[in-house]
């Protein structure tokens, strides 16, 4: 069973990854 701390870290990493994807996507759009 997953620890609550582990779940919190995973959610944080997923949020950061999603934000990075959005930033790189918008940056790619503005660059082109």
PDB file of N, CA and C in Angstrom:
ATOM      1  N   UNK A   1       0.846  -1.206   0.000  1.00  0.00           N
ATOM      2  CA  UNK A   1       0.000   0.000   0.000  1.00  0.00           C
ATOM      3  C   UNK A   1       0.873   1.245   0.000  1.00  0.00           C
ATOM      4  N   UNK A   2       0.471   2.236  -0.780  1.00  0.00           N
ATOM      5  CA  UNK A   2       1.284   3.450  -0.900  1.00  0.00           C
ATOM      6  C   UNK A   2       1.141   4.332   0.331  1.00  0.00           C
ATOM      7  N   UNK A   3       2.260   4.947   0.687  1.00  0.00           N
ATOM      8  CA  UNK A   3       2.249   5.895   1.796  1.00  0.00           C
ATOM      9  C   UNK A   3       1.653   7.220   1.314  1.00  0.00           C
ATOM     10  N   UNK A   4       1.006   7.939   2.214  1.00  0.00           N
ATOM     11  CA  UNK A   4       0.395   9.219   1.822  1.00  0.00           C
ATOM     12  C   UNK A   4       1.471  10.194   1.354  1.00  0.00           C
ATOM     13  N   UNK A   5       2.639  10.136   1.982  1.00  0.00           N
ATOM     14  CA  UNK A   5       3.742  11.025   1.586  1.00  0.00           C
ATOM     15  C   UNK A   5       4.181  10.717   0.163  1.00  0.00           C
ATOM     16  N   UNK A   6       4.246   9.414  -0.156  1.00  0.00           N
ATOM     17  CA  UNK A   6       4.642   9.006  -1.513  1.00  0.00           C
ATOM     18  C   UNK A   6       3.626   9.511  -2.529  1.00  0.00           C
ATOM     19  N   UNK A   7       2.342   9.368  -2.201  1.00  0.00           N
ATOM     20  CA  UNK A   7       1.276   9.829  -3.102  1.00  0.00           C
ATOM     21  C   UNK A   7       1.381  11.335  -3.320  1.00  0.00           C
ATOM     22  N   UNK A   8       1.658  12.079  -2.245  1.00  0.00           N
ATOM     23  CA  UNK A   8       1.771  13.531  -2.347  1.00  0.00           C
ATOM     24  C   UNK A   8       2.930  13.905  -3.264  1.00  0.00           C
ATOM     25  N   UNK A   9       4.054  13.206  -3.129  1.00  0.00           N
ATOM     26  CA  UNK A   9       5.219  13.493  -3.979  1.00  0.00           C
ATOM     27  C   UNK A   9       4.906  13.193  -5.437  1.00  0.00           C
ATOM     28  N   UNK A  10       4.246  12.063  -5.687  1.00  0.00           N
ATOM     29  CA  UNK A  10       3.893  11.678  -7.060  1.00  0.00           C
ATOM     30  C   UNK A  10       2.961  12.719  -7.684  1.00  0.00           C
ATOM     31  N   UNK A  11       1.969  13.165  -6.906  1.00  0.00           N
ATOM     32  CA  UNK A  11       1.040  14.180  -7.432  1.00  0.00           C
ATOM     33  C   UNK A  11       1.785  15.464  -7.747  1.00  0.00           C
ATOM     34  N   UNK A  12       2.739  15.836  -6.881  1.00  0.00           N
ATOM     35  CA  UNK A  12       3.520  17.059  -7.107  1.00  0.00           C
ATOM     36  C   UNK A  12       4.338  16.931  -8.381  1.00  0.00           C
ATOM     37  N   UNK A  13       4.964  15.770  -8.581  1.00  0.00           N
ATOM     38  CA  UNK A  13       5.768  15.558  -9.785  1.00  0.00           C
ATOM     39  C   UNK A  13       4.891  15.598 -11.035  1.00  0.00           C
ATOM     40  N   UNK A  14       3.703  15.012 -10.948  1.00  0.00           N
ATOM     41  CA  UNK A  14       2.792  15.015 -12.100  1.00  0.00           C
ATOM     42  C   UNK A  14       2.354  16.437 -12.429  1.00  0.00           C
ATOM     43  N   UNK A  15       2.104  17.236 -11.395  1.00  0.00           N
ATOM     44  CA  UNK A  15       1.700  18.629 -11.626  1.00  0.00           C
ATOM     45  C   UNK A  15       2.832  19.397 -12.298  1.00  0.00           C
ATOM     46  N   UNK A  16       4.064  19.196 -11.806  1.00  0.00           N
ATOM     47  CA  UNK A  16       5.213  19.894 -12.394  1.00  0.00           C
ATOM     48  C   UNK A  16       5.418  19.460 -13.839  1.00  0.00           C
ATOM     49  N   UNK A  17       5.251  18.171 -14.107  1.00  0.00           N
ATOM     50  CA  UNK A  17       5.431  17.661 -15.469  1.00  0.00           C
ATOM     51  C   UNK A  17       4.383  18.266 -16.400  1.00  0.00           C
ATOM     52  N   UNK A  18       3.132  18.325 -15.945  1.00  0.00           N
ATOM     53  CA  UNK A  18       2.063  18.884 -16.774  1.00  0.00           C
ATOM     54  C   UNK A  18       2.322  20.362 -17.045  1.00  0.00           C
ATOM     55  N   UNK A  19       2.796  21.085 -16.030  1.00  0.00           N
ATOM     56  CA  UNK A  19       3.074  22.515 -16.208  1.00  0.00           C
ATOM     57  C   UNK A  19       4.227  22.707 -17.192  1.00  0.00           C
ATOM     58  N   UNK A  20       5.252  21.848 -17.080  1.00  0.00           N
ATOM     59  CA  UNK A  20       6.397  21.941 -17.987  1.00  0.00           C
ATOM     60  C   UNK A  20       5.957  21.694 -19.430  1.00  0.00           C
ATOM     61  N   UNK A  21       5.061  20.719 -19.615  1.00  0.00           N
ATOM     62  CA  UNK A  21       4.567  20.409 -20.960  1.00  0.00           C
ATOM     63  C   UNK A  21       3.798  21.606 -21.518  1.00  0.00           C
ATOM     64  N   UNK A  22       2.950  22.222 -20.667  1.00  0.00           N
ATOM     65  CA  UNK A  22       2.188  23.392 -21.131  1.00  0.00           C
ATOM     66  C   UNK A  22       3.129  24.533 -21.495  1.00  0.00           C
ATOM     67  N   UNK A  23       4.143  24.771 -20.667  1.00  0.00           N
ATOM     68  CA  UNK A  23       5.072  25.878 -20.930  1.00  0.00           C
ATOM     69  C   UNK A  23       5.850  25.630 -22.220  1.00  0.00           C
ATOM     70  N   UNK A  24       6.341  24.405 -22.396  1.00  0.00           N
ATOM     71  CA  UNK A  24       7.115  24.097 -23.597  1.00  0.00           C
ATOM     72  C   UNK A  24       6.217  24.150 -24.832  1.00  0.00           C
ATOM     73  N   UNK A  25       4.965  23.750 -24.676  1.00  0.00           N
ATOM     74  CA  UNK A  25       4.032  23.782 -25.804  1.00  0.00           C
ATOM     75  C   UNK A  25       3.753  25.223 -26.208  1.00  0.00           C
ATOM     76  N   UNK A  26       3.483  26.080 -25.234  1.00  0.00           N
ATOM     77  CA  UNK A  26       3.200  27.486 -25.545  1.00  0.00           C
ATOM     78  C   UNK A  26       4.460  28.162 -26.080  1.00  0.00           C
ATOM     79  N   UNK A  27       5.626  27.782 -25.559  1.00  0.00           N
ATOM     80  CA  UNK A  27       6.890  28.360 -26.032  1.00  0.00           C
ATOM     81  C   UNK A  27       7.126  27.933 -27.477  1.00  0.00           C
ATOM     82  N   UNK A  28       6.817  26.683 -27.795  1.00  0.00           N
ATOM     83  CA  UNK A  28       6.990  26.195 -29.163  1.00  0.00           C
ATOM     84  C   UNK A  28       6.056  26.927 -30.115  1.00  0.00           C
ATOM     85  N   UNK A  29       4.855  27.247 -29.656  1.00  0.00           N
ATOM     86  CA  UNK A  29       3.885  27.951 -30.498  1.00  0.00           C
ATOM     87  C   UNK A  29       4.358  29.375 -30.761  1.00  0.00           C
ATOM     88  N   UNK A  30       4.856  30.048 -29.722  1.00  0.00           N
ATOM     89  CA  UNK A  30       5.277  31.442 -29.882  1.00  0.00           C
ATOM     90  C   UNK A  30       6.578  31.524 -30.665  1.00  0.00           C
ATOM     91  N   UNK A  31       7.417  30.475 -30.578  1.00  0.00           N
ATOM     92  CA  UNK A  31       8.682  30.483 -31.325  1.00  0.00           C
ATOM     93  C   UNK A  31       8.406  30.358 -32.819  1.00  0.00           C
ATOM     94  N   UNK A  32       7.435  29.529 -33.175  1.00  0.00           N
ATOM     95  CA  UNK A  32       7.096  29.350 -34.585  1.00  0.00           C
ATOM     96  C   UNK A  32       6.058  30.395 -34.969  1.00  0.00           C
TER      97      UNK A  32
END
